[in-house]
C-alpha atoms as a PDB file:
ATOM      1  CA  MET A   1       3.838   4.480   1.328  1.00  0.00           C
ATOM      2  CA  ALA A   2       0.202   5.336   1.056  1.00  0.00           C
ATOM      3  CA  PHE A   3      -1.595   8.649   0.948  1.00  0.00           C
ATOM      4  CA  VAL A   4      -4.189   9.013   3.725  1.00  0.00           C
ATOM      5  CA  PHE A   5      -6.301  12.010   4.568  1.00  0.00           C
ATOM      6  CA  SER A   6      -6.187  12.828   8.254  1.00  0.00           C
ATOM      7  CA  SER A   7      -9.331  14.216   9.881  1.00  0.00           C
ATOM      8  CA  THR A   8      -7.269  16.188  12.370  1.00  0.00           C
ATOM      9  CA  SER A   9      -8.525  19.749  12.505  1.00  0.00           C
ATOM     10  CA  LEU A  10      -6.190  22.628  11.946  1.00  0.00           C
ATOM     11  CA  VAL A  11      -7.074  24.041  15.352  1.00  0.00           C
ATOM     12  CA  ARG A  12      -6.171  20.854  17.179  1.00  0.00           C
ATOM     13  CA  SER A  13      -3.088  20.455  14.995  1.00  0.00           C
ATOM     14  CA  GLU A  14      -1.751  23.744  16.284  1.00  0.00           C
ATOM     15  CA  THR A  15      -2.263  22.751  19.913  1.00  0.00           C
ATOM     16  CA  SER A  16      -1.677  18.986  20.063  1.00  0.00           C
ATOM     17  CA  GLU A  17       0.746  18.196  17.258  1.00  0.00           C
ATOM     18  CA  LYS A  18       4.474  18.365  17.771  1.00  0.00           C
ATOM     19  CA  LEU A  19       6.956  18.419  14.911  1.00  0.00           C
ATOM     20  CA  LEU A  20       9.703  15.874  15.568  1.00  0.00           C
ATOM     21  CA  PHE A  21      11.558  15.970  12.260  1.00  0.00           C
ATOM     22  CA  GLU A  22      11.477  17.531   8.808  1.00  0.00           C
ATOM     23  CA  LYS A  23      13.745  17.413   5.805  1.00  0.00           C
ATOM     24  CA  ASN A  24      13.747  17.917   2.081  1.00  0.00           C
ATOM     25  CA  SER A  25      15.275  14.670   0.901  1.00  0.00           C
ATOM     26  CA  LEU A  26      16.521  14.031  -2.607  1.00  0.00           C
ATOM     27  CA  TYR A  27      13.049  12.783  -3.558  1.00  0.00           C
ATOM     28  CA  GLN A  28      10.502  14.550  -1.342  1.00  0.00           C
ATOM     29  CA  TYR A  29       9.686  16.612   1.697  1.00  0.00           C
ATOM     30  CA  ILE A  30       9.465  14.436   4.830  1.00  0.00           C
ATOM     31  CA  SER A  31       8.093  15.374   8.223  1.00  0.00           C
ATOM     32  CA  VAL A  32       7.370  13.392  11.373  1.00  0.00           C
ATOM     33  CA  VAL A  33       4.582  14.738  13.582  1.00  0.00           C
ATOM     34  CA  GLU A  34       3.290  13.413  16.899  1.00  0.00           C
ATOM     35  CA  ASP A  35      -0.216  14.058  18.174  1.00  0.00           C
ATOM     36  CA  THR A  36       0.375  14.355  21.910  1.00  0.00           C
ATOM     37  CA  VAL A  37      -3.320  13.915  22.729  1.00  0.00           C
ATOM     38  CA  LYS A  38      -4.086  10.856  20.615  1.00  0.00           C
ATOM     39  CA  LYS A  39      -0.580   9.429  21.150  1.00  0.00           C
ATOM     40  CA  GLU A  40      -0.149   8.889  17.416  1.00  0.00           C
ATOM     41  CA  ARG A  41       2.866   9.587  15.242  1.00  0.00           C
ATOM     42  CA  TYR A  42       2.645  10.289  11.514  1.00  0.00           C
ATOM     43  CA  VAL A  43       4.968  10.596   8.558  1.00  0.00           C
ATOM     44  CA  ARG A  44       3.949  13.226   6.040  1.00  0.00           C
ATOM     45  CA  ASN A  45       5.315  14.165   2.642  1.00  0.00           C
ATOM     46  CA  GLN A  46       3.465  17.412   2.209  1.00  0.00           C
ATOM     47  CA  LYS A  47       3.253  20.508   4.358  1.00  0.00           C
ATOM     48  CA  ARG A  48      -0.472  19.860   4.785  1.00  0.00           C
ATOM     49  CA  ASP A  49      -2.815  17.870   6.971  1.00  0.00           C
ATOM     50  CA  TYR A  50      -2.198  14.488   5.331  1.00  0.00           C
ATOM     51  CA  ALA A  51      -0.510  11.377   6.679  1.00  0.00           C
ATOM     52  CA  GLN A  52       1.234   8.709   4.633  1.00  0.00           C
ATOM     53  CA  GLY A  53       1.840   6.298   7.467  1.00  0.00           C
ATOM     54  CA  GLY A  54       1.991   6.195  11.221  1.00  0.00           C
ATOM     55  CA  ILE A  55       1.855   4.302  14.486  1.00  0.00           C
ATOM     56  CA  LEU A  56       0.231   4.317  17.888  1.00  0.00           C
ATOM     57  CA  VAL A  57       3.101   5.443  20.093  1.00  0.00           C
ATOM     58  CA  ASN A  58       2.115   3.118  22.940  1.00  0.00           C
ATOM     59  CA  ALA A  59       1.345   0.176  20.632  1.00  0.00           C
ATOM     60  CA  PRO A  60       3.698   0.490  17.657  1.00  0.00           C
ATOM     61  CA  ASP A  61       3.072  -3.077  16.439  1.00  0.00           C
ATOM     62  CA  LYS A  62      -0.606  -2.387  15.738  1.00  0.00           C
ATOM     63  CA  LEU A  63      -1.805  -1.078  12.383  1.00  0.00           C
ATOM     64  CA  LEU A  64      -2.991   2.492  12.860  1.00  0.00           C
ATOM     65  CA  PHE A  65      -4.435   3.308   9.451  1.00  0.00           C
ATOM     66  CA  GLU A  66      -7.203   1.441   7.674  1.00  0.00           C
ATOM     67  CA  PHE A  67      -5.284   1.022   4.417  1.00  0.00           C
ATOM     68  CA  THR A  68      -2.540  -0.889   6.238  1.00  0.00           C
ATOM     69  CA  GLN A  69      -5.193  -3.292   7.502  1.00  0.00           C
ATOM     70  CA  LEU A  70      -6.983  -3.614   4.167  1.00  0.00           C
ATOM     71  CA  VAL A  71      -3.953  -4.907   2.288  1.00  0.00           C
ATOM     72  CA  PHE A  72      -3.797  -8.055   4.387  1.00  0.00           C
ATOM     73  CA  ILE A  73      -7.016  -9.309   2.782  1.00  0.00           C
ATOM     74  CA  SER A  74      -4.575 -10.550   0.146  1.00  0.00           C
ATOM     75  CA  LEU A  75      -3.823 -13.452   2.519  1.00  0.00           C
ATOM     76  CA  ALA A  76      -7.309 -14.791   1.738  1.00  0.00           C
ATOM     77  CA  PHE A  77      -6.231 -15.336  -1.878  1.00  0.00           C
ATOM     78  CA  LEU A  78      -3.235 -17.492  -1.039  1.00  0.00           C
ATOM     79  CA  ASP A  79      -3.773 -21.195  -0.372  1.00  0.00           C
ATOM     80  CA  ARG A  80      -0.555 -21.484   1.610  1.00  0.00           C
ATOM     81  CA  GLU A  81       1.447 -19.511   4.136  1.00  0.00           C
ATOM     82  CA  PRO A  82       3.555 -16.860   2.378  1.00  0.00           C
ATOM     83  CA  LYS A  83       7.266 -17.543   2.523  1.00  0.00           C
ATOM     84  CA  ASP A  84       8.601 -14.736   0.328  1.00  0.00           C
ATOM     85  CA  VAL A  85       6.981 -11.304   0.076  1.00  0.00           C
ATOM     86  CA  LEU A  86       8.017  -7.970  -1.392  1.00  0.00           C
ATOM     87  CA  PHE A  87       6.881  -4.505  -0.320  1.00  0.00           C
ATOM     88  CA  VAL A  88       7.387  -1.682  -2.823  1.00  0.00           C
ATOM     89  CA  GLY A  89       7.444   1.410  -0.629  1.00  0.00           C
ATOM     90  CA  LEU A  90       8.320   1.496   3.068  1.00  0.00           C
ATOM     91  CA  GLY A  91       6.659   4.540   4.627  1.00  0.00           C
ATOM     92  CA  ALA A  92       6.607   4.085   8.398  1.00  0.00           C
ATOM     93  CA  GLY A  93       7.359   0.388   7.941  1.00  0.00           C
ATOM     94  CA  ALA A  94       4.103  -0.710   9.598  1.00  0.00           C
ATOM     95  CA  MET A  95       3.125  -3.387   7.067  1.00  0.00           C
ATOM     96  CA  PRO A  96       6.460  -5.248   6.824  1.00  0.00           C
ATOM     97  CA  LYS A  97       6.696  -5.123  10.614  1.00  0.00           C
ATOM     98  CA  TYR A  98       3.188  -6.556  10.952  1.00  0.00           C
ATOM     99  CA  PHE A  99       3.910  -9.302   8.441  1.00  0.00           C
ATOM    100  CA  ASN A 100       7.087 -10.258  10.286  1.00  0.00           C
ATOM    101  CA  LYS A 101       5.189 -10.440  13.580  1.00  0.00           C
ATOM    102  CA  TYR A 102       2.628 -12.950  12.307  1.00  0.00           C
ATOM    103  CA  TYR A 103       4.840 -14.781   9.800  1.00  0.00           C
ATOM    104  CA  PRO A 104       8.247 -14.845  11.496  1.00  0.00           C
ATOM    105  CA  ASP A 105       9.461 -17.635   9.216  1.00  0.00           C
ATOM    106  CA  GLY A 106       8.622 -15.661   6.084  1.00  0.00           C
ATOM    107  CA  MET A 107      11.095 -13.432   4.264  1.00  0.00           C
ATOM    108  CA  ALA A 108      10.033  -9.812   3.748  1.00  0.00           C
ATOM    109  CA  GLU A 109      11.995  -7.606   1.360  1.00  0.00           C
ATOM    110  CA  ILE A 110      11.309  -3.907   0.908  1.00  0.00           C
ATOM    111  CA  ALA A 111      12.249  -1.734  -2.060  1.00  0.00           C
ATOM    112  CA  GLU A 112      12.319   1.928  -0.963  1.00  0.00           C
ATOM    113  CA  ILE A 113      13.849   4.531  -3.239  1.00  0.00           C
ATOM    114  CA  ASP A 114      14.466   7.149  -0.539  1.00  0.00           C
ATOM    115  CA  PRO A 115      17.249   6.333   1.992  1.00  0.00           C
ATOM    116  CA  ASP A 116      16.018   9.182   4.207  1.00  0.00           C
ATOM    117  CA  MET A 117      12.643   7.476   4.516  1.00  0.00           C
ATOM    118  CA  VAL A 118      14.392   4.322   5.688  1.00  0.00           C
ATOM    119  CA  SER A 119      16.245   6.328   8.340  1.00  0.00           C
ATOM    120  CA  VAL A 120      13.001   7.969   9.478  1.00  0.00           C
ATOM    121  CA  ALA A 121      11.224   4.609   9.791  1.00  0.00           C
ATOM    122  CA  ARG A 122      14.072   3.275  11.905  1.00  0.00           C
ATOM    123  CA  LYS A 123      14.409   6.291  14.192  1.00  0.00           C
ATOM    124  CA  TYR A 124      10.788   7.363  14.707  1.00  0.00           C
ATOM    125  CA  PHE A 125       8.594   4.344  13.912  1.00  0.00           C
ATOM    126  CA  PHE A 126      10.355   1.419  15.607  1.00  0.00           C
ATOM    127  CA  PHE A 127      11.140  -0.250  12.282  1.00  0.00           C
ATOM    128  CA  LYS A 128      14.003  -2.727  12.486  1.00  0.00           C
ATOM    129  CA  GLU A 129      15.653  -4.962   9.942  1.00  0.00           C
ATOM    130  CA  ASN A 130      16.585  -8.512  10.825  1.00  0.00           C
ATOM    131  CA  GLU A 131      17.491 -11.705   9.017  1.00  0.00           C
ATOM    132  CA  ARG A 132      13.882 -11.933   7.801  1.00  0.00           C
ATOM    133  CA  VAL A 133      13.279  -8.266   7.008  1.00  0.00           C
ATOM    134  CA  LYS A 134      15.597  -6.615   4.471  1.00  0.00           C
ATOM    135  CA  VAL A 135      15.463  -3.138   2.910  1.00  0.00           C
ATOM    136  CA  HIS A 136      16.866  -2.327  -0.525  1.00  0.00           C
ATOM    137  CA  ALA A 137      17.356   1.395  -1.154  1.00  0.00           C
ATOM    138  CA  GLU A 138      16.295   1.188  -4.764  1.00  0.00           C
ATOM    139  CA  ASP A 139      13.472   2.216  -7.073  1.00  0.00           C
ATOM    140  CA  GLY A 140      10.768  -0.445  -6.939  1.00  0.00           C
ATOM    141  CA  ARG A 141      10.532  -0.938 -10.690  1.00  0.00           C
ATOM    142  CA  ILE A 142      14.270  -1.309 -11.099  1.00  0.00           C
ATOM    143  CA  PHE A 143      14.443  -3.712  -8.153  1.00  0.00           C
ATOM    144  CA  ILE A 144      11.682  -5.906  -9.570  1.00  0.00           C
ATOM    145  CA  LYS A 145      13.221  -5.909 -13.048  1.00  0.00           C
ATOM    146  CA  ARG A 146      16.605  -7.020 -11.706  1.00  0.00           C
ATOM    147  CA  SER A 147      15.333  -9.490  -9.131  1.00  0.00           C
ATOM    148  CA  LYS A 148      15.912 -13.152  -9.874  1.00  0.00           C
ATOM    149  CA  LYS A 149      13.575 -14.142  -7.046  1.00  0.00           C
ATOM    150  CA  LYS A 150       9.865 -14.956  -7.181  1.00  0.00           C
ATOM    151  CA  TYR A 151       7.393 -14.016  -4.472  1.00  0.00           C
ATOM    152  CA  ASP A 152       4.187 -15.367  -2.981  1.00  0.00           C
ATOM    153  CA  MET A 153       2.919 -11.835  -2.490  1.00  0.00           C
ATOM    154  CA  ILE A 154       3.922  -8.395  -3.755  1.00  0.00           C
ATOM    155  CA  PHE A 155       2.570  -5.296  -1.961  1.00  0.00           C
ATOM    156  CA  LEU A 156       2.546  -2.079  -4.013  1.00  0.00           C
ATOM    157  CA  ASP A 157       2.358   0.993  -1.783  1.00  0.00           C
ATOM    158  CA  ALA A 158       4.771   3.537  -3.206  1.00  0.00           C
ATOM    159  CA  TYR A 159       3.503   7.122  -3.180  1.00  0.00           C
ATOM    160  CA  GLN A 160       5.130  10.470  -3.861  1.00  0.00           C
ATOM    161  CA  ASN A 161       3.063  13.127  -2.151  1.00  0.00           C
ATOM    162  CA  ASP A 162      -0.528  12.136  -3.006  1.00  0.00           C
ATOM    163  CA  TYR A 163       0.045  10.199  -6.231  1.00  0.00           C
ATOM    164  CA  ILE A 164       1.649   6.964  -7.337  1.00  0.00           C
ATOM    165  CA  PRO A 165       4.769   7.566  -9.467  1.00  0.00           C
ATOM    166  CA  PHE A 166       3.646   7.045 -13.069  1.00  0.00           C
ATOM    167  CA  HIS A 167       6.195   4.333 -13.857  1.00  0.00           C
ATOM    168  CA  LEU A 168       4.596   2.177 -11.149  1.00  0.00           C
ATOM    169  CA  THR A 169       1.128   2.331 -12.750  1.00  0.00           C
ATOM    170  CA  THR A 170       1.665   1.029 -16.279  1.00  0.00           C
ATOM    171  CA  THR A 171       1.055  -2.281 -18.034  1.00  0.00           C
ATOM    172  CA  GLU A 172       4.787  -2.656 -18.604  1.00  0.00           C
ATOM    173  CA  PHE A 173       5.489  -2.395 -14.872  1.00  0.00           C
ATOM    174  CA  LEU A 174       2.624  -4.699 -13.901  1.00  0.00           C
ATOM    175  CA  ARG A 175       3.837  -7.331 -16.356  1.00  0.00           C
ATOM    176  CA  GLU A 176       7.225  -7.193 -14.649  1.00  0.00           C
ATOM    177  CA  VAL A 177       5.459  -7.609 -11.301  1.00  0.00           C
ATOM    178  CA  LYS A 178       3.416 -10.540 -12.602  1.00  0.00           C
ATOM    179  CA  SER A 179       6.566 -12.260 -13.879  1.00  0.00           C
ATOM    180  CA  LYS A 180       8.012 -12.216 -10.360  1.00  0.00           C
ATOM    181  CA  LEU A 181       5.099 -14.085  -8.774  1.00  0.00           C
ATOM    182  CA  LYS A 182       5.222 -17.706  -7.771  1.00  0.00           C
ATOM    183  CA  GLU A 183       2.447 -19.968  -9.014  1.00  0.00           C
ATOM    184  CA  ASP A 184      -0.917 -18.620  -7.822  1.00  0.00           C
ATOM    185  CA  GLY A 185       0.880 -15.604  -6.357  1.00  0.00           C
ATOM    186  CA  VAL A 186      -0.909 -12.399  -5.371  1.00  0.00           C
ATOM    187  CA  VAL A 187      -0.363  -8.687  -5.963  1.00  0.00           C
ATOM    188  CA  VAL A 188      -2.036  -6.153  -3.695  1.00  0.00           C
ATOM    189  CA  SER A 189      -2.033  -2.406  -4.269  1.00  0.00           C
ATOM    190  CA  ASN A 190      -3.284   0.499  -2.174  1.00  0.00           C
ATOM    191  CA  ILE A 191      -5.146   3.022  -4.340  1.00  0.00           C
ATOM    192  CA  THR A 192      -6.899   6.242  -3.343  1.00  0.00           C
ATOM    193  CA  SER A 193     -10.586   6.534  -4.203  1.00  0.00           C
ATOM    194  CA  PRO A 194     -12.120   7.908  -7.441  1.00  0.00           C
ATOM    195  CA  PHE A 195     -12.950  11.059  -5.473  1.00  0.00           C
ATOM    196  CA  ARG A 196      -9.248  11.882  -5.095  1.00  0.00           C
ATOM    197  CA  ASN A 197      -7.761   9.877  -7.954  1.00  0.00           C
ATOM    198  CA  LYS A 198      -8.787  10.851 -11.495  1.00  0.00           C
ATOM    199  CA  LEU A 199      -6.953   7.807 -12.849  1.00  0.00           C
ATOM    200  CA  PHE A 200      -8.850   5.311 -10.673  1.00  0.00           C
ATOM    201  CA  ASP A 201     -10.820   3.774 -13.554  1.00  0.00           C
ATOM    202  CA  SER A 202      -7.726   3.647 -15.739  1.00  0.00           C
ATOM    203  CA  MET A 203      -5.839   1.883 -12.971  1.00  0.00           C
ATOM    204  CA  VAL A 204      -8.576  -0.742 -12.721  1.00  0.00           C
ATOM    205  CA  MET A 205      -8.486  -1.298 -16.477  1.00  0.00           C
ATOM    206  CA  THR A 206      -4.696  -1.463 -16.478  1.00  0.00           C
ATOM    207  CA  TYR A 207      -4.701  -4.175 -13.822  1.00  0.00           C
ATOM    208  CA  ARG A 208      -7.366  -6.056 -15.800  1.00  0.00           C
ATOM    209  CA  GLU A 209      -5.213  -5.802 -18.903  1.00  0.00           C
ATOM    210  CA  VAL A 210      -2.385  -7.667 -17.169  1.00  0.00           C
ATOM    211  CA  PHE A 211      -4.011  -9.993 -14.617  1.00  0.00           C
ATOM    212  CA  PRO A 212      -6.733 -12.613 -15.190  1.00  0.00           C
ATOM    213  CA  HIS A 213      -8.607 -11.605 -12.032  1.00  0.00           C
ATOM    214  CA  VAL A 214      -8.769  -8.306 -10.142  1.00  0.00           C
ATOM    215  CA  TYR A 215     -10.736  -7.794  -6.921  1.00  0.00           C
ATOM    216  CA  LEU A 216     -11.525  -4.474  -5.212  1.00  0.00           C
ATOM    217  CA  PHE A 217     -12.039  -3.857  -1.501  1.00  0.00           C
ATOM    218  CA  LYS A 218     -13.249  -0.536  -0.149  1.00  0.00           C
ATOM    219  CA  GLY A 219     -12.335   1.126   3.118  1.00  0.00           C
ATOM    220  CA  LYS A 220     -15.072   2.071   5.574  1.00  0.00           C
ATOM    221  CA  LYS A 221     -13.367   5.095   7.094  1.00  0.00           C
ATOM    222  CA  SER A 222     -10.732   6.149   4.595  1.00  0.00           C
ATOM    223  CA  ALA A 223     -10.731   7.155   0.939  1.00  0.00           C
ATOM    224  CA  ASN A 224      -8.732   4.064   0.058  1.00  0.00           C
ATOM    225  CA  PHE A 225      -9.338   0.992  -2.053  1.00  0.00           C
ATOM    226  CA  VAL A 226      -7.234  -2.133  -2.259  1.00  0.00           C
ATOM    227  CA  PHE A 227      -6.764  -3.926  -5.562  1.00  0.00           C
ATOM    228  CA  VAL A 228      -5.952  -7.623  -5.281  1.00  0.00           C
ATOM    229  CA  ALA A 229      -4.724  -9.172  -8.528  1.00  0.00           C
ATOM    230  CA  THR A 230      -4.048 -12.866  -9.067  1.00  0.00           C
ATOM    231  CA  ALA A 231      -2.007 -14.508 -11.781  1.00  0.00           C
ATOM    232  CA  GLY A 232      -3.693 -17.916 -11.497  1.00  0.00           C
ATOM    233  CA  SER A 233      -6.613 -19.063 -13.641  1.00  0.00           C
ATOM    234  CA  ARG A 234      -8.967 -19.786 -10.743  1.00  0.00           C
ATOM    235  CA  LYS A 235     -11.489 -17.093  -9.885  1.00  0.00           C
ATOM    236  CA  LYS A 236     -12.628 -16.713  -6.266  1.00  0.00           C
ATOM    237  CA  ASP A 237     -16.164 -15.686  -5.386  1.00  0.00           C
ATOM    238  CA  ARG A 238     -17.172 -13.656  -2.334  1.00  0.00           C
ATOM    239  CA  ASP A 239     -18.073 -16.702  -0.227  1.00  0.00           C
ATOM    240  CA  THR A 240     -14.717 -18.348  -0.929  1.00  0.00           C
ATOM    241  CA  ILE A 241     -12.835 -15.174  -0.011  1.00  0.00           C
ATOM    242  CA  VAL A 242     -14.765 -14.725   3.238  1.00  0.00           C
ATOM    243  CA  ALA A 243     -14.329 -18.404   4.181  1.00  0.00           C
ATOM    244  CA  ARG A 244     -10.584 -18.245   3.599  1.00  0.00           C
ATOM    245  CA  ALA A 245     -10.358 -14.970   5.558  1.00  0.00           C
ATOM    246  CA  GLU A 246     -12.139 -16.629   8.485  1.00  0.00           C
ATOM    247  CA  LYS A 247      -9.727 -19.558   8.357  1.00  0.00           C
ATOM    248  CA  VAL A 248      -6.645 -17.320   8.314  1.00  0.00           C
ATOM    249  CA  GLN A 249      -8.078 -15.161  11.097  1.00  0.00           C
ATOM    250  CA  GLU A 250      -8.686 -18.198  13.303  1.00  0.00           C
ATOM    251  CA  LEU A 251      -5.231 -19.592  12.616  1.00  0.00           C
ATOM    252  CA  LYS A 252      -3.237 -16.393  13.129  1.00  0.00           C
ATOM    253  CA  LYS A 253      -5.365 -14.572  15.715  1.00  0.00           C
ATOM    254  CA  PHE A 254      -4.853 -11.203  14.020  1.00  0.00           C
ATOM    255  CA  ASP A 255      -5.776  -8.062  15.933  1.00  0.00           C
ATOM    256  CA  ILE A 256      -7.528  -6.889  12.748  1.00  0.00           C
ATOM    257  CA  ASP A 257     -10.808  -8.312  11.460  1.00  0.00           C
ATOM    258  CA  LEU A 258      -9.939 -10.062   8.212  1.00  0.00           C
ATOM    259  CA  PRO A 259     -13.463 -11.475   7.595  1.00  0.00           C
ATOM    260  CA  ASP A 260     -14.905  -7.979   7.967  1.00  0.00           C
ATOM    261  CA  ILE A 261     -12.434  -6.692   5.395  1.00  0.00           C
ATOM    262  CA  ALA A 262     -13.408  -9.571   3.093  1.00  0.00           C
ATOM    263  CA  SER A 263     -17.034  -8.452   3.325  1.00  0.00           C
ATOM    264  CA  ARG A 264     -16.061  -5.088   1.809  1.00  0.00           C
ATOM    265  CA  TYR A 265     -15.645  -6.610  -1.634  1.00  0.00           C
ATOM    266  CA  ALA A 266     -16.701  -3.901  -4.104  1.00  0.00           C
ATOM    267  CA  TYR A 267     -18.301  -5.198  -7.265  1.00  0.00           C
ATOM    268  CA  SER A 268     -16.683  -3.823 -10.388  1.00  0.00           C
ATOM    269  CA  SER A 269     -20.121  -3.043 -11.841  1.00  0.00           C
ATOM    270  CA  GLU A 270     -20.298  -0.104  -9.432  1.00  0.00           C
ATOM    271  CA  TYR A 271     -17.861   1.802 -11.620  1.00  0.00           C
ATOM    272  CA  ALA A 272     -17.853   2.794 -15.282  1.00  0.00           C
ATOM    273  CA  TYR A 273     -14.500   1.509 -16.498  1.00  0.00           C
ATOM    274  CA  GLU A 274     -15.255   1.075 -20.188  1.00  0.00           C
ATOM    275  CA  ALA A 275     -14.258   4.594 -21.196  1.00  0.00           C
ATOM    276  CA  ALA A 276     -11.019   4.506 -19.193  1.00  0.00           C
ATOM    277  CA  LYS A 277      -7.684   4.350 -20.987  1.00  0.00           C
ATOM    278  CA  VAL A 278      -5.151   1.662 -20.117  1.00  0.00           C
ATOM    279  CA  LEU A 279      -1.962   3.191 -18.725  1.00  0.00           C
ATOM    280  CA  THR A 280       1.274   2.407 -20.520  1.00  0.00           C
ATOM    281  CA  ASP A 281       4.782   3.819 -20.448  1.00  0.00           C
ATOM    282  CA  ASP A 282       3.710   5.928 -23.439  1.00  0.00           C
ATOM    283  CA  PHE A 283       0.429   6.991 -21.831  1.00  0.00           C
ATOM    284  CA  ALA A 284       0.545   7.577 -18.091  1.00  0.00           C
ATOM    285  CA  PRO A 285      -0.669  11.148 -17.476  1.00  0.00           C
ATOM    286  CA  VAL A 286      -0.472  10.958 -13.687  1.00  0.00           C
ATOM    287  CA  ASN A 287       1.464  14.165 -13.274  1.00  0.00           C
ATOM    288  CA  LEU A 288      -0.763  15.971 -15.787  1.00  0.00           C
ATOM    289  CA  TYR A 289      -3.868  15.143 -13.756  1.00  0.00           C
ATOM    290  CA  ARG A 290      -2.103  16.158 -10.569  1.00  0.00           C
ATOM    291  CA  PHE A 291      -1.355  19.627 -11.958  1.00  0.00           C
ATOM    292  CA  GLN A 292      -4.912  19.950 -13.250  1.00  0.00           C
ATOM    293  CA  LYS A 293      -6.231  19.151  -9.772  1.00  0.00           C
ATOM    294  CA  SER A 294      -4.022  21.761  -8.140  1.00  0.00           C
ATOM    295  CA  GLY A 295      -4.937  24.400 -10.722  1.00  0.00           C
ATOM    296  CA  ALA A 296      -1.334  24.800 -11.857  1.00  0.00           C
ATOM    297  CA  PRO A 297      -0.841  26.142 -15.400  1.00  0.00           C
END
């Protein structure tokens, strides 16, 4: 479940947004809000103007937010159709639903720690399980550690409020993830920008510590990046990624522009990673940075 800043103004929020549901679950605060003017529905995990997932009410199968579109650039790194994929984090369920629409023969599993979030996705966001879409109400790291299955693709999109839980950021976790990939498998992770995420550089370095190749793609409208990490030895250049994206786009007829997303490749030289610390189970100060940002003592 990703963290996305919504540009909705507070004035319009008061007049056009309708609260459909709210609850303090065991893990987080959850609310469902519908913008009656834009005909959009959002799931939020803070009592602020942020959305962590959502849908177009009149077109619930489309991907509303840019980050949910960006992650599918990972298909350009796979030289085959994905048969087994894992989503860590459910949110509104938009990404597993989209995958199932275009790859109905593939198997999509979702690890979501919060059962209340699963209920919300089902009731308010048209998310449905079927024989090819299965939800496991379990912490993503525990699920991956126990899984005996290997996947073509693993999507990491688990957020708690506006940060990724620390145990899903470390080298130890990413090594577990890597071990559950099929040959030439792909990991894709939604990460908020350096502007909002003080651990951005450390996250890049941590992925580089574990995976031979890491690629970054930058959103045009949102403050989101996508990290694509591959376990195989072959490195892909920009032209190869764009060409593969064009091929997948032509084959699948997506309603998103995969070649355009491929063109957003962000060179790693744009960022100063050298001074960043690699995150481990013994050094993952995510919560510390979060409190510093909020000014808490």
